[in-house]
Amino acid sequence: MYTYSQDTGLNQSIEWVVMVSRGAVFEGVFFVKRVGWYSIYFAVVLLSYLHVAVASASTPHPVDWVGGKIIASGMAVPSKKKVGGDFSQEKLLSDAKVVAQKRLLEDVKQIPIFSSAKVGTMLGENTLAMAKIQDLIKKAPLVNQAYLSDGTLKVTIEMALWGAFLQLVLPAEVKPIETIVPIPPLINHPDAAPNDHRVTGLIIDSRGLALTPALVPSIIDDRGEPLYGPKFINRDFAVQWGMCAYTAQINKKMTFDRVGGNPFRIKALRSSGPQQTDIVISSVDASRIRALAEHLDFLREGRIIVVIDSER
């Protein structure tokens, strides 16, 4: 067991005790009673950095694939040894936000764009794009902050994926249109019956397939023919609310908001691609969708919900 005690001061020591489990026999104890000025200076510099606690090994927060948001948390701990007066609460908040921003950047880099690339691998060498993403992260609003019993400050920040971020990462195959078309409500109320039999969207049940959500998913049939992908959606709609919504807990309001009152429902056969982001459906279901006169409309507007096992 190796211990270092700050309470005894820098002139007190590093205590190294090797304990043997059987009989708890001490084999050696070494004390350093005095250290040189260079070592003291080094220790002071080192301790000045220890007021920030980084929880880098924790599990990343899941992406909100319905609302198009991602959050990250960071913590900062005030130093026990305050130099020159009380520790600044503004400095503590700033340090915690920096930790959260670094964590958010790492999480964002891990988001799949499509089956063969993540944000970090696709844009990692694009210094301009990465600089703009980092600027968006720095502007991410603070959504929560709380002090723990020992004075540790934990903060949570949130960044929108839809909008400016998607504009940066969407591939060129997602073509723009001249003006942004607002997304109108399909019917007046989710409880109201649709006024005709037009199919208003698509719901794909992919539970049990270990599908990985992605910013630019593809839907293909079991013969390899594409049904949906970057060439099927208008860029303006993709930027506004993503190419599709992923959720593990579908509800009536979500269904209404995204796919309207009369969605077409199918079951996926399997996931595909290097990162398992592509959805494979039966050729029979694909033919039924293609036969719908309105299918190009709801695909072009991204009115698709994919039901998954868990949100991540």
C-alpha atoms as a PDB file:
ATOM      1  CA  MET A   1       0.000   0.000   0.000  1.00  0.00           C
ATOM      2  CA  TYR A   2       1.343   3.416  -1.021  1.00  0.00           C
ATOM      3  CA  THR A   3      -0.012   6.504   0.735  1.00  0.00           C
ATOM      4  CA  TYR A   4       0.753  10.214   0.607  1.00  0.00           C
ATOM      5  CA  SER A   5      -0.477  12.505   3.383  1.00  0.00           C
ATOM      6  CA  GLN A   6      -1.047  16.186   2.603  1.00  0.00           C
ATOM      7  CA  ASP A   7      -2.068  16.918   6.221  1.00  0.00           C
ATOM      8  CA  THR A   8       1.463  16.458   7.533  1.00  0.00           C
ATOM      9  CA  GLY A   9       2.771  19.025   5.027  1.00  0.00           C
ATOM     10  CA  LEU A  10       5.447  18.846   2.395  1.00  0.00           C
ATOM     11  CA  ASN A  11       8.197  18.452   5.005  1.00  0.00           C
ATOM     12  CA  GLN A  12       6.459  15.326   6.184  1.00  0.00           C
ATOM     13  CA  SER A  13       6.636  12.302   4.238  1.00  0.00           C
ATOM     14  CA  ILE A  14       5.975   9.736   1.698  1.00  0.00           C
ATOM     15  CA  GLU A  15       5.099   6.632   3.565  1.00  0.00           C
ATOM     16  CA  TRP A  16       5.630   3.376   1.847  1.00  0.00           C
ATOM     17  CA  VAL A  17       4.392   0.305   3.620  1.00  0.00           C
ATOM     18  CA  VAL A  18       4.480  -3.147   2.157  1.00  0.00           C
ATOM     19  CA  MET A  19       2.016  -5.357   3.997  1.00  0.00           C
ATOM     20  CA  VAL A  20       1.914  -9.082   3.762  1.00  0.00           C
ATOM     21  CA  SER A  21      -1.637 -10.433   3.918  1.00  0.00           C
ATOM     22  CA  ARG A  22      -0.719 -13.445   6.041  1.00  0.00           C
ATOM     23  CA  GLY A  23       0.083 -12.118   9.485  1.00  0.00           C
ATOM     24  CA  ALA A  24       0.098  -8.528   8.215  1.00  0.00           C
ATOM     25  CA  VAL A  25       3.888  -8.388   8.585  1.00  0.00           C
ATOM     26  CA  PHE A  26       5.561  -5.074   7.827  1.00  0.00           C
ATOM     27  CA  GLU A  27       8.518  -5.722   5.579  1.00  0.00           C
ATOM     28  CA  GLY A  28       9.710  -2.180   5.237  1.00  0.00           C
ATOM     29  CA  VAL A  29       8.937   1.408   6.131  1.00  0.00           C
ATOM     30  CA  PHE A  30      10.678   4.306   4.424  1.00  0.00           C
ATOM     31  CA  PHE A  31      10.347   7.939   5.463  1.00  0.00           C
ATOM     32  CA  VAL A  32      11.602  10.965   3.671  1.00  0.00           C
ATOM     33  CA  LYS A  33      11.759  13.654   6.346  1.00  0.00           C
ATOM     34  CA  ARG A  34      13.114  16.432   4.224  1.00  0.00           C
ATOM     35  CA  VAL A  35      12.900  17.243   0.560  1.00  0.00           C
ATOM     36  CA  GLY A  36      14.841  19.758  -1.509  1.00  0.00           C
ATOM     37  CA  TRP A  37      13.482  23.109  -2.702  1.00  0.00           C
ATOM     38  CA  TYR A  38      13.211  21.857  -6.275  1.00  0.00           C
ATOM     39  CA  SER A  39      11.013  18.995  -5.114  1.00  0.00           C
ATOM     40  CA  ILE A  40       8.878  21.390  -3.081  1.00  0.00           C
ATOM     41  CA  TYR A  41       8.392  23.624  -6.103  1.00  0.00           C
ATOM     42  CA  PHE A  42       7.455  20.623  -8.247  1.00  0.00           C
ATOM     43  CA  ALA A  43       4.954  19.426  -5.624  1.00  0.00           C
ATOM     44  CA  VAL A  44       3.296  22.862  -5.384  1.00  0.00           C
ATOM     45  CA  VAL A  45       2.907  23.030  -9.158  1.00  0.00           C
ATOM     46  CA  LEU A  46       1.497  19.517  -9.197  1.00  0.00           C
ATOM     47  CA  LEU A  47      -0.995  20.256  -6.430  1.00  0.00           C
ATOM     48  CA  SER A  48      -2.201  23.362  -8.246  1.00  0.00           C
ATOM     49  CA  TYR A  49      -3.668  21.088 -10.898  1.00  0.00           C
ATOM     50  CA  LEU A  50      -5.340  18.685  -8.518  1.00  0.00           C
ATOM     51  CA  HIS A  51      -8.400  20.864  -7.851  1.00  0.00           C
ATOM     52  CA  VAL A  52      -9.920  19.586 -11.087  1.00  0.00           C
ATOM     53  CA  ALA A  53     -11.332  16.071 -10.949  1.00  0.00           C
ATOM     54  CA  VAL A  54     -11.894  14.470 -14.302  1.00  0.00           C
ATOM     55  CA  ALA A  55     -14.252  11.487 -14.504  1.00  0.00           C
ATOM     56  CA  SER A  56     -12.838  10.300 -17.814  1.00  0.00           C
ATOM     57  CA  ALA A  57     -13.523   6.628 -17.284  1.00  0.00           C
ATOM     58  CA  SER A  58     -17.278   6.955 -16.845  1.00  0.00           C
ATOM     59  CA  THR A  59     -19.752   5.749 -19.439  1.00  0.00           C
ATOM     60  CA  PRO A  60     -20.716   8.317 -22.102  1.00  0.00           C
ATOM     61  CA  HIS A  61     -24.175   9.824 -21.868  1.00  0.00           C
ATOM     62  CA  PRO A  62     -26.609   8.450 -24.441  1.00  0.00           C
ATOM     63  CA  VAL A  63     -27.583  10.664 -27.349  1.00  0.00           C
ATOM     64  CA  ASP A  64     -31.163  11.944 -27.390  1.00  0.00           C
ATOM     65  CA  TRP A  65     -31.986  10.746 -30.903  1.00  0.00           C
ATOM     66  CA  VAL A  66     -35.525  12.141 -30.717  1.00  0.00           C
ATOM     67  CA  GLY A  67     -34.749  15.663 -29.539  1.00  0.00           C
ATOM     68  CA  GLY A  68     -31.336  15.774 -31.189  1.00  0.00           C
ATOM     69  CA  LYS A  69     -29.261  16.551 -28.096  1.00  0.00           C
ATOM     70  CA  ILE A  70     -26.204  15.259 -26.289  1.00  0.00           C
ATOM     71  CA  ILE A  71     -25.079  16.078 -22.758  1.00  0.00           C
ATOM     72  CA  ALA A  72     -21.839  15.711 -20.828  1.00  0.00           C
ATOM     73  CA  SER A  73     -20.849  16.295 -17.212  1.00  0.00           C
ATOM     74  CA  GLY A  74     -17.707  17.550 -15.533  1.00  0.00           C
ATOM     75  CA  MET A  75     -16.528  17.982 -11.947  1.00  0.00           C
ATOM     76  CA  ALA A  76     -14.121  20.294 -10.153  1.00  0.00           C
ATOM     77  CA  VAL A  77     -12.917  20.017  -6.554  1.00  0.00           C
ATOM     78  CA  PRO A  78     -11.652  23.058  -4.622  1.00  0.00           C
ATOM     79  CA  SER A  79      -8.114  22.716  -3.318  1.00  0.00           C
ATOM     80  CA  LYS A  80      -7.754  21.934   0.377  1.00  0.00           C
ATOM     81  CA  LYS A  81      -4.784  24.255   0.495  1.00  0.00           C
ATOM     82  CA  LYS A  82      -6.063  27.650  -0.619  1.00  0.00           C
ATOM     83  CA  VAL A  83      -3.285  30.005  -1.665  1.00  0.00           C
ATOM     84  CA  GLY A  84      -3.929  33.733  -1.413  1.00  0.00           C
ATOM     85  CA  GLY A  85      -7.432  33.574   0.046  1.00  0.00           C
ATOM     86  CA  ASP A  86     -10.657  31.753  -0.681  1.00  0.00           C
ATOM     87  CA  PHE A  87     -10.914  29.602  -3.760  1.00  0.00           C
ATOM     88  CA  SER A  88     -12.866  31.410  -6.469  1.00  0.00           C
ATOM     89  CA  GLN A  89     -16.284  29.920  -7.163  1.00  0.00           C
ATOM     90  CA  GLU A  90     -16.086  31.383 -10.653  1.00  0.00           C
ATOM     91  CA  LYS A  91     -12.825  29.504 -11.197  1.00  0.00           C
ATOM     92  CA  LEU A  92     -14.401  26.312  -9.887  1.00  0.00           C
ATOM     93  CA  LEU A  93     -17.323  26.671 -12.288  1.00  0.00           C
ATOM     94  CA  SER A  94     -14.980  27.445 -15.171  1.00  0.00           C
ATOM     95  CA  ASP A  95     -12.845  24.381 -14.443  1.00  0.00           C
ATOM     96  CA  ALA A  96     -15.883  22.103 -14.227  1.00  0.00           C
ATOM     97  CA  LYS A  97     -17.204  23.422 -17.541  1.00  0.00           C
ATOM     98  CA  VAL A  98     -13.836  22.849 -19.218  1.00  0.00           C
ATOM     99  CA  VAL A  99     -13.898  19.228 -18.042  1.00  0.00           C
ATOM    100  CA  ALA A 100     -17.464  18.825 -19.361  1.00  0.00           C
ATOM    101  CA  GLN A 101     -16.527  20.405 -22.695  1.00  0.00           C
ATOM    102  CA  LYS A 102     -13.564  18.052 -23.127  1.00  0.00           C
ATOM    103  CA  ARG A 103     -15.794  15.100 -22.323  1.00  0.00           C
ATOM    104  CA  LEU A 104     -18.461  16.317 -24.736  1.00  0.00           C
ATOM    105  CA  LEU A 105     -15.907  16.633 -27.542  1.00  0.00           C
ATOM    106  CA  GLU A 106     -14.734  13.048 -27.002  1.00  0.00           C
ATOM    107  CA  ASP A 107     -18.338  11.768 -26.955  1.00  0.00           C
ATOM    108  CA  VAL A 108     -19.221  13.703 -30.102  1.00  0.00           C
ATOM    109  CA  LYS A 109     -16.248  12.178 -31.928  1.00  0.00           C
ATOM    110  CA  GLN A 110     -17.680   8.716 -31.210  1.00  0.00           C
ATOM    111  CA  ILE A 111     -21.088   9.387 -32.823  1.00  0.00           C
ATOM    112  CA  PRO A 112     -21.480   7.329 -36.018  1.00  0.00           C
ATOM    113  CA  ILE A 113     -22.192   9.392 -39.114  1.00  0.00           C
ATOM    114  CA  PHE A 114     -22.820   6.339 -41.227  1.00  0.00           C
ATOM    115  CA  SER A 115     -21.761   2.725 -41.112  1.00  0.00           C
ATOM    116  CA  SER A 116     -18.169   3.289 -42.179  1.00  0.00           C
ATOM    117  CA  ALA A 117     -17.266   6.459 -40.262  1.00  0.00           C
ATOM    118  CA  LYS A 118     -17.693   8.296 -36.977  1.00  0.00           C
ATOM    119  CA  VAL A 119     -17.507  12.049 -36.495  1.00  0.00           C
ATOM    120  CA  GLY A 120     -13.921  11.803 -35.246  1.00  0.00           C
ATOM    121  CA  THR A 121     -12.664   9.637 -38.099  1.00  0.00           C
ATOM    122  CA  MET A 122     -14.466  11.563 -40.829  1.00  0.00           C
ATOM    123  CA  LEU A 123     -13.712  15.097 -39.634  1.00  0.00           C
ATOM    124  CA  GLY A 124     -10.613  14.523 -37.500  1.00  0.00           C
ATOM    125  CA  GLU A 125      -8.267  15.916 -40.150  1.00  0.00           C
ATOM    126  CA  ASN A 126     -10.615  18.719 -41.195  1.00  0.00           C
ATOM    127  CA  THR A 127      -9.253  21.419 -38.918  1.00  0.00           C
ATOM    128  CA  LEU A 128     -11.850  24.006 -39.943  1.00  0.00           C
ATOM    129  CA  ALA A 129     -14.800  21.699 -39.297  1.00  0.00           C
ATOM    130  CA  MET A 130     -13.378  20.509 -35.970  1.00  0.00           C
ATOM    131  CA  ALA A 131     -12.727  24.107 -34.916  1.00  0.00           C
ATOM    132  CA  LYS A 132     -16.369  24.938 -35.619  1.00  0.00           C
ATOM    133  CA  ILE A 133     -17.524  21.897 -33.652  1.00  0.00           C
ATOM    134  CA  GLN A 134     -15.337  22.925 -30.717  1.00  0.00           C
ATOM    135  CA  ASP A 135     -16.838  26.402 -30.915  1.00  0.00           C
ATOM    136  CA  LEU A 136     -20.336  24.895 -30.713  1.00  0.00           C
ATOM    137  CA  ILE A 137     -19.234  22.878 -27.676  1.00  0.00           C
ATOM    138  CA  LYS A 138     -17.856  25.985 -25.947  1.00  0.00           C
ATOM    139  CA  LYS A 139     -21.230  27.653 -26.481  1.00  0.00           C
ATOM    140  CA  ALA A 140     -23.158  24.634 -25.139  1.00  0.00           C
ATOM    141  CA  PRO A 141     -25.447  25.928 -22.380  1.00  0.00           C
ATOM    142  CA  LEU A 142     -25.214  24.849 -18.771  1.00  0.00           C
ATOM    143  CA  VAL A 143     -28.315  22.811 -17.917  1.00  0.00           C
ATOM    144  CA  ASN A 144     -27.474  21.716 -14.377  1.00  0.00           C
ATOM    145  CA  GLN A 145     -25.007  22.331 -11.585  1.00  0.00           C
ATOM    146  CA  ALA A 146     -24.849  20.903  -8.085  1.00  0.00           C
ATOM    147  CA  TYR A 147     -22.452  20.986  -5.143  1.00  0.00           C
ATOM    148  CA  LEU A 148     -21.586  17.772  -3.347  1.00  0.00           C
ATOM    149  CA  SER A 149     -21.014  17.546   0.401  1.00  0.00           C
ATOM    150  CA  ASP A 150     -17.231  17.945   0.052  1.00  0.00           C
ATOM    151  CA  GLY A 151     -17.537  21.086  -2.067  1.00  0.00           C
ATOM    152  CA  THR A 152     -17.127  19.330  -5.385  1.00  0.00           C
ATOM    153  CA  LEU A 153     -19.021  21.061  -8.177  1.00  0.00           C
ATOM    154  CA  LYS A 154     -20.668  18.932 -10.855  1.00  0.00           C
ATOM    155  CA  VAL A 155     -22.020  20.582 -13.990  1.00  0.00           C
ATOM    156  CA  THR A 156     -23.883  19.287 -17.027  1.00  0.00           C
ATOM    157  CA  ILE A 157     -23.863  20.950 -20.427  1.00  0.00           C
ATOM    158  CA  GLU A 158     -26.043  20.199 -23.459  1.00  0.00           C
ATOM    159  CA  MET A 159     -25.384  20.616 -27.168  1.00  0.00           C
ATOM    160  CA  ALA A 160     -27.901  20.397 -29.993  1.00  0.00           C
ATOM    161  CA  LEU A 161     -27.078  17.920 -32.730  1.00  0.00           C
ATOM    162  CA  TRP A 162     -29.753  19.189 -35.062  1.00  0.00           C
ATOM    163  CA  GLY A 163     -29.044  22.514 -36.741  1.00  0.00           C
ATOM    164  CA  ALA A 164     -25.512  23.908 -36.998  1.00  0.00           C
ATOM    165  CA  PHE A 165     -23.792  20.664 -35.971  1.00  0.00           C
ATOM    166  CA  LEU A 166     -25.604  18.570 -38.585  1.00  0.00           C
ATOM    167  CA  GLN A 167     -24.902  21.203 -41.208  1.00  0.00           C
ATOM    168  CA  LEU A 168     -21.206  20.580 -40.550  1.00  0.00           C
ATOM    169  CA  VAL A 169     -21.229  16.778 -40.557  1.00  0.00           C
ATOM    170  CA  LEU A 170     -23.841  15.822 -43.152  1.00  0.00           C
ATOM    171  CA  PRO A 171     -22.177  14.503 -46.323  1.00  0.00           C
ATOM    172  CA  ALA A 172     -22.544  16.284 -49.645  1.00  0.00           C
ATOM    173  CA  GLU A 173     -24.907  13.551 -50.876  1.00  0.00           C
ATOM    174  CA  VAL A 174     -27.603  15.090 -48.690  1.00  0.00           C
ATOM    175  CA  LYS A 175     -28.549  17.802 -51.142  1.00  0.00           C
ATOM    176  CA  PRO A 176     -29.809  21.219 -50.044  1.00  0.00           C
ATOM    177  CA  ILE A 177     -32.825  23.038 -51.374  1.00  0.00           C
ATOM    178  CA  GLU A 178     -33.012  26.765 -52.025  1.00  0.00           C
ATOM    179  CA  THR A 179     -35.130  27.701 -49.010  1.00  0.00           C
ATOM    180  CA  ILE A 180     -35.828  25.977 -45.711  1.00  0.00           C
ATOM    181  CA  VAL A 181     -39.333  24.588 -45.789  1.00  0.00           C
ATOM    182  CA  PRO A 182     -41.027  24.700 -42.351  1.00  0.00           C
ATOM    183  CA  ILE A 183     -42.328  21.360 -41.098  1.00  0.00           C
ATOM    184  CA  PRO A 184     -46.115  21.727 -40.761  1.00  0.00           C
ATOM    185  CA  PRO A 185     -48.284  19.680 -38.386  1.00  0.00           C
ATOM    186  CA  LEU A 186     -49.848  16.799 -40.249  1.00  0.00           C
ATOM    187  CA  ILE A 187     -53.169  16.902 -38.369  1.00  0.00           C
ATOM    188  CA  ASN A 188     -54.597  19.217 -35.754  1.00  0.00           C
ATOM    189  CA  HIS A 189     -54.305  16.871 -32.776  1.00  0.00           C
ATOM    190  CA  PRO A 190     -52.784  13.450 -32.135  1.00  0.00           C
ATOM    191  CA  ASP A 191     -56.174  12.131 -31.025  1.00  0.00           C
ATOM    192  CA  ALA A 192     -57.888  13.340 -34.176  1.00  0.00           C
ATOM    193  CA  ALA A 193     -58.455  10.885 -36.996  1.00  0.00           C
ATOM    194  CA  PRO A 194     -56.583  11.572 -40.234  1.00  0.00           C
ATOM    195  CA  ASN A 195     -58.803  13.072 -42.895  1.00  0.00           C
ATOM    196  CA  ASP A 196     -57.712  10.537 -45.538  1.00  0.00           C
ATOM    197  CA  HIS A 197     -55.803   7.286 -45.837  1.00  0.00           C
ATOM    198  CA  ARG A 198     -52.502   8.825 -46.854  1.00  0.00           C
ATOM    199  CA  VAL A 199     -49.518   7.219 -45.132  1.00  0.00           C
ATOM    200  CA  THR A 200     -47.811   9.947 -43.128  1.00  0.00           C
ATOM    201  CA  GLY A 201     -44.547   8.303 -42.123  1.00  0.00           C
ATOM    202  CA  LEU A 202     -42.685   5.099 -41.384  1.00  0.00           C
ATOM    203  CA  ILE A 203     -42.031   3.203 -38.127  1.00  0.00           C
ATOM    204  CA  ILE A 204     -39.428   0.428 -38.217  1.00  0.00           C
ATOM    205  CA  ASP A 205     -39.192  -2.026 -35.329  1.00  0.00           C
ATOM    206  CA  SER A 206     -35.518  -3.033 -35.068  1.00  0.00           C
ATOM    207  CA  ARG A 207     -35.567  -4.429 -31.540  1.00  0.00           C
ATOM    208  CA  GLY A 208     -33.401  -7.487 -31.038  1.00  0.00           C
ATOM    209  CA  LEU A 209     -31.037  -6.593 -33.883  1.00  0.00           C
ATOM    210  CA  ALA A 210     -28.306  -4.679 -31.994  1.00  0.00           C
ATOM    211  CA  LEU A 211     -28.732  -1.741 -34.369  1.00  0.00           C
ATOM    212  CA  THR A 212     -26.433   1.233 -33.782  1.00  0.00           C
ATOM    213  CA  PRO A 213     -28.030   4.678 -34.287  1.00  0.00           C
ATOM    214  CA  ALA A 214     -26.290   6.967 -36.780  1.00  0.00           C
ATOM    215  CA  LEU A 215     -26.651  10.500 -38.108  1.00  0.00           C
ATOM    216  CA  VAL A 216     -26.916   9.243 -41.697  1.00  0.00           C
ATOM    217  CA  PRO A 217     -28.599   5.818 -41.679  1.00  0.00           C
ATOM    218  CA  SER A 218     -29.465   3.732 -44.707  1.00  0.00           C
ATOM    219  CA  ILE A 219     -32.449   1.442 -45.216  1.00  0.00           C
ATOM    220  CA  ILE A 220     -32.044  -1.319 -47.796  1.00  0.00           C
ATOM    221  CA  ASP A 221     -34.074  -4.377 -48.733  1.00  0.00           C
ATOM    222  CA  ASP A 222     -32.789  -7.921 -48.523  1.00  0.00           C
ATOM    223  CA  ARG A 223     -31.766  -7.751 -52.191  1.00  0.00           C
ATOM    224  CA  GLY A 224     -29.498  -4.792 -51.522  1.00  0.00           C
ATOM    225  CA  GLU A 225     -31.761  -2.182 -53.121  1.00  0.00           C
ATOM    226  CA  PRO A 226     -31.820   1.136 -51.248  1.00  0.00           C
ATOM    227  CA  LEU A 227     -35.072   2.475 -49.851  1.00  0.00           C
ATOM    228  CA  TYR A 228     -33.728   5.391 -47.802  1.00  0.00           C
ATOM    229  CA  GLY A 229     -30.436   7.163 -47.297  1.00  0.00           C
ATOM    230  CA  PRO A 230     -28.619  10.457 -47.875  1.00  0.00           C
ATOM    231  CA  LYS A 231     -29.949  10.834 -51.422  1.00  0.00           C
ATOM    232  CA  PHE A 232     -33.591  10.477 -50.357  1.00  0.00           C
ATOM    233  CA  ILE A 233     -33.948  13.361 -47.898  1.00  0.00           C
ATOM    234  CA  ASN A 234     -33.823  17.105 -48.411  1.00  0.00           C
ATOM    235  CA  ARG A 235     -30.885  18.579 -46.542  1.00  0.00           C
ATOM    236  CA  ASP A 236     -33.048  21.264 -44.948  1.00  0.00           C
ATOM    237  CA  PHE A 237     -35.246  18.685 -43.249  1.00  0.00           C
ATOM    238  CA  ALA A 238     -32.226  16.599 -42.214  1.00  0.00           C
ATOM    239  CA  VAL A 239     -30.616  19.645 -40.612  1.00  0.00           C
ATOM    240  CA  GLN A 240     -33.848  20.647 -38.857  1.00  0.00           C
ATOM    241  CA  TRP A 241     -34.592  17.335 -37.137  1.00  0.00           C
ATOM    242  CA  GLY A 242     -32.233  14.616 -38.311  1.00  0.00           C
ATOM    243  CA  MET A 243     -32.727  11.886 -40.872  1.00  0.00           C
ATOM    244  CA  CYS A 244     -34.766   9.785 -38.448  1.00  0.00           C
ATOM    245  CA  ALA A 245     -35.589   9.425 -34.765  1.00  0.00           C
ATOM    246  CA  TYR A 246     -34.358   6.488 -32.686  1.00  0.00           C
ATOM    247  CA  THR A 247     -36.178   5.538 -29.516  1.00  0.00           C
ATOM    248  CA  ALA A 248     -36.592   2.625 -27.138  1.00  0.00           C
ATOM    249  CA  GLN A 249     -39.837   3.984 -25.710  1.00  0.00           C
ATOM    250  CA  ILE A 250     -42.240   5.081 -28.403  1.00  0.00           C
ATOM    251  CA  ASN A 251     -45.334   7.004 -27.349  1.00  0.00           C
ATOM    252  CA  LYS A 252     -48.353   8.636 -28.960  1.00  0.00           C
ATOM    253  CA  LYS A 253     -47.063  12.207 -28.875  1.00  0.00           C
ATOM    254  CA  MET A 254     -43.688  11.221 -30.322  1.00  0.00           C
ATOM    255  CA  THR A 255     -45.398   9.269 -33.078  1.00  0.00           C
ATOM    256  CA  PHE A 256     -47.651  12.187 -33.932  1.00  0.00           C
ATOM    257  CA  ASP A 257     -44.859  14.765 -33.914  1.00  0.00           C
ATOM    258  CA  ARG A 258     -42.533  12.763 -36.139  1.00  0.00           C
ATOM    259  CA  VAL A 259     -44.602  10.477 -38.359  1.00  0.00           C
ATOM    260  CA  GLY A 260     -48.124  11.850 -38.101  1.00  0.00           C
ATOM    261  CA  GLY A 261     -51.391  10.050 -37.537  1.00  0.00           C
ATOM    262  CA  ASN A 262     -51.152   7.199 -40.066  1.00  0.00           C
ATOM    263  CA  PRO A 263     -47.606   5.755 -40.176  1.00  0.00           C
ATOM    264  CA  PHE A 264     -46.658   2.604 -42.068  1.00  0.00           C
ATOM    265  CA  ARG A 265     -45.233  -0.007 -39.657  1.00  0.00           C
ATOM    266  CA  ILE A 266     -42.738  -2.739 -40.525  1.00  0.00           C
ATOM    267  CA  LYS A 267     -40.283  -5.077 -38.791  1.00  0.00           C
ATOM    268  CA  ALA A 268     -36.601  -4.952 -39.748  1.00  0.00           C
ATOM    269  CA  LEU A 269     -34.853  -8.195 -40.662  1.00  0.00           C
ATOM    270  CA  ARG A 270     -31.352  -7.365 -39.479  1.00  0.00           C
ATOM    271  CA  SER A 271     -28.724  -4.650 -39.100  1.00  0.00           C
ATOM    272  CA  SER A 272     -25.813  -4.346 -41.496  1.00  0.00           C
ATOM    273  CA  GLY A 273     -22.552  -2.504 -42.155  1.00  0.00           C
ATOM    274  CA  PRO A 274     -19.228  -2.254 -40.267  1.00  0.00           C
ATOM    275  CA  GLN A 275     -20.865  -0.445 -37.333  1.00  0.00           C
ATOM    276  CA  GLN A 276     -24.278  -2.115 -37.727  1.00  0.00           C
ATOM    277  CA  THR A 277     -25.987   1.188 -38.554  1.00  0.00           C
ATOM    278  CA  ASP A 278     -27.787   0.116 -41.755  1.00  0.00           C
ATOM    279  CA  ILE A 279     -31.294  -1.348 -41.560  1.00  0.00           C
ATOM    280  CA  VAL A 280     -32.288  -4.289 -43.730  1.00  0.00           C
ATOM    281  CA  ILE A 281     -35.992  -4.879 -44.408  1.00  0.00           C
ATOM    282  CA  SER A 282     -37.759  -7.474 -46.522  1.00  0.00           C
ATOM    283  CA  SER A 283     -38.132  -6.854 -50.240  1.00  0.00           C
ATOM    284  CA  VAL A 284     -41.888  -7.379 -49.781  1.00  0.00           C
ATOM    285  CA  ASP A 285     -42.112  -4.499 -47.287  1.00  0.00           C
ATOM    286  CA  ALA A 286     -39.849  -2.366 -49.466  1.00  0.00           C
ATOM    287  CA  SER A 287     -42.119  -2.969 -52.480  1.00  0.00           C
ATOM    288  CA  ARG A 288     -45.193  -2.057 -50.451  1.00  0.00           C
ATOM    289  CA  ILE A 289     -43.571   1.217 -49.397  1.00  0.00           C
ATOM    290  CA  ARG A 290     -42.400   2.058 -52.897  1.00  0.00           C
ATOM    291  CA  ALA A 291     -45.928   1.416 -54.170  1.00  0.00           C
ATOM    292  CA  LEU A 292     -47.266   4.222 -51.970  1.00  0.00           C
ATOM    293  CA  ALA A 293     -47.737   7.369 -54.022  1.00  0.00           C
ATOM    294  CA  GLU A 294     -46.735   9.485 -51.029  1.00  0.00           C
ATOM    295  CA  HIS A 295     -43.646   7.501 -49.979  1.00  0.00           C
ATOM    296  CA  LEU A 296     -41.200   9.954 -51.536  1.00  0.00           C
ATOM    297  CA  ASP A 297     -42.814  12.785 -49.574  1.00  0.00           C
ATOM    298  CA  PHE A 298     -42.398  11.290 -46.094  1.00  0.00           C
ATOM    299  CA  LEU A 299     -38.951   9.925 -46.908  1.00  0.00           C
ATOM    300  CA  ARG A 300     -37.822  13.296 -48.253  1.00  0.00           C
ATOM    301  CA  GLU A 301     -38.961  14.915 -44.999  1.00  0.00           C
ATOM    302  CA  GLY A 302     -37.343  12.293 -42.757  1.00  0.00           C
ATOM    303  CA  ARG A 303     -40.617  11.223 -41.154  1.00  0.00           C
ATOM    304  CA  ILE A 304     -39.167   7.982 -39.814  1.00  0.00           C
ATOM    305  CA  ILE A 305     -38.978   6.462 -36.333  1.00  0.00           C
ATOM    306  CA  VAL A 306     -36.718   3.486 -35.634  1.00  0.00           C
ATOM    307  CA  VAL A 307     -37.507   1.533 -32.476  1.00  0.00           C
ATOM    308  CA  ILE A 308     -34.342   0.168 -30.834  1.00  0.00           C
ATOM    309  CA  ASP A 309     -33.522  -1.893 -27.752  1.00  0.00           C
ATOM    310  CA  SER A 310     -31.872   0.909 -25.787  1.00  0.00           C
ATOM    311  CA  GLU A 311     -30.881   4.505 -26.366  1.00  0.00           C
ATOM    312  CA  ARG A 312     -27.125   5.034 -26.484  1.00  0.00           C
END
